[in-house]
Protein backbone atom coordinates (compact mmCIF):
# COMPACT_ATOMS: atom_id res chain seq x y z
CA MET A 1 34.70 27.03 -7.14
CA THR A 2 34.51 29.12 -4.06
CA ASP A 3 33.46 28.35 -0.50
CA ILE A 4 30.56 29.84 1.44
CA LEU A 5 30.34 29.77 5.20
CA ILE A 6 26.86 29.82 6.71
CA ARG A 7 26.74 30.60 10.40
CA ASN A 8 24.05 29.80 12.98
CA VAL A 9 22.32 27.02 11.05
CA ASP A 10 19.53 25.52 13.11
CA PRO A 11 20.55 21.98 14.17
CA ASN A 12 17.20 20.63 12.93
CA VAL A 13 17.79 22.17 9.50
CA ARG A 14 21.28 20.66 9.34
CA ALA A 15 19.94 17.26 10.39
CA ARG A 16 17.21 17.38 7.74
CA LEU A 17 19.69 18.44 5.04
CA LYS A 18 22.02 15.62 6.04
CA SER A 19 19.14 13.14 5.97
CA ARG A 20 18.01 14.42 2.58
CA ALA A 21 21.54 14.06 1.22
CA ALA A 22 21.74 10.49 2.53
CA GLU A 23 18.40 9.65 0.86
CA ARG A 24 19.87 10.81 -2.45
CA GLY A 25 23.25 9.19 -1.88
CA THR A 26 25.10 12.50 -1.92
CA SER A 27 27.18 14.45 0.54
CA LEU A 28 25.78 17.27 2.63
CA SER A 29 27.85 19.71 0.59
CA ALA A 30 26.55 18.34 -2.74
CA GLU A 31 22.97 18.49 -1.47
CA ILE A 32 23.31 22.12 -0.39
CA ASN A 33 24.97 22.99 -3.72
CA ALA A 34 22.03 21.41 -5.59
CA ILE A 35 19.48 23.29 -3.47
CA LEU A 36 21.26 26.61 -4.04
CA ALA A 37 21.62 25.99 -7.78
CA ASP A 38 17.91 25.11 -8.09
CA ALA A 39 17.04 28.30 -6.23
CA VAL A 40 19.05 30.73 -8.36
CA LEU A 41 19.78 29.22 -11.78
CA PRO A 42 17.21 29.56 -14.55
CA ALA A 43 14.97 26.57 -15.11
CA GLN A 44 15.17 24.66 -18.37
CA PRO A 45 12.82 26.27 -20.88
CA VAL A 46 9.55 24.47 -21.48
CA SER A 47 8.66 23.90 -25.09
CA SER A 48 5.84 26.13 -26.23
CA THR A 49 4.86 23.79 -29.07
CA GLY A 50 1.82 21.62 -28.72
CA VAL A 51 1.62 17.87 -29.17
CA GLY A 52 0.25 18.22 -32.69
CA THR A 53 3.14 20.42 -33.74
CA TRP A 54 5.58 17.99 -32.15
CA LEU A 55 3.99 15.03 -33.95
CA ALA A 56 4.01 16.90 -37.26
CA GLY A 57 7.71 17.56 -36.74
CA LEU A 58 8.34 13.86 -36.14
CA ALA A 59 6.41 12.96 -39.28
CA ALA A 60 8.36 15.51 -41.31
CA ALA A 61 11.66 14.23 -39.93
CA ALA A 62 10.65 10.70 -40.99
CA ASP A 63 9.62 11.98 -44.46
CA LEU A 64 6.02 10.83 -43.95
CA THR A 65 3.48 12.26 -46.37
CA ALA A 66 -0.30 12.56 -46.45
CA LEU A 67 -0.34 9.37 -48.55
CA ASP A 68 1.44 7.51 -45.75
CA PHE A 69 -1.17 8.70 -43.26
CA ALA A 70 -3.98 7.75 -45.65
CA ALA A 71 -2.52 4.23 -45.92
CA VAL A 72 -2.44 3.90 -42.14
CA GLU A 73 -6.03 5.14 -41.86
CA THR A 74 -7.16 2.67 -44.54
CA ALA A 75 -5.40 -0.23 -42.83
CA TRP A 76 -6.90 0.76 -39.48
CA ALA A 77 -10.40 1.06 -40.98
CA THR A 78 -10.03 -2.37 -42.62
CA GLU A 79 -8.84 -3.93 -39.37
CA ARG A 80 -11.68 -2.55 -37.26
CA GLY A 81 -14.36 -2.90 -39.93
CA ALA A 82 -14.99 -0.06 -42.38
CA ALA A 83 -18.69 0.21 -41.44
CA ASP A 84 -17.85 0.75 -37.77
CA ASP A 85 -17.27 4.49 -37.45
CA ARG A 86 -18.08 4.59 -33.74
CA PRO A 87 -15.33 5.51 -31.28
CA PRO A 88 -13.71 2.62 -29.43
CA PRO A 89 -15.62 1.40 -26.35
CA PHE A 90 -14.49 2.34 -22.88
CA GLY A 91 -15.22 0.60 -19.60
CA ASP A 92 -18.41 -1.49 -19.60
CA GLU A 93 -19.66 -0.26 -22.98
CA ARG A 94 -18.49 -3.40 -24.83
């Protein structure tokens, strides 16, 4: 690693950086390194897949089939009463 010297830092800025480092349990140098890295390094990519695609991937990884999902739906319908096709109640609707 290399060193960087920053001249003429406002005393209030230095005090705030030092306070911020103390809040995080790090040194002033480590805090400034983290701030600089966050400012210039690329952010971690955000997945572009939706929740449904993610869930389908989990199901595929677990070797779940349509029959497995049908069994879960049947068990759920039996538990809640097959004739009750209304959505679950929310708030004071009970």
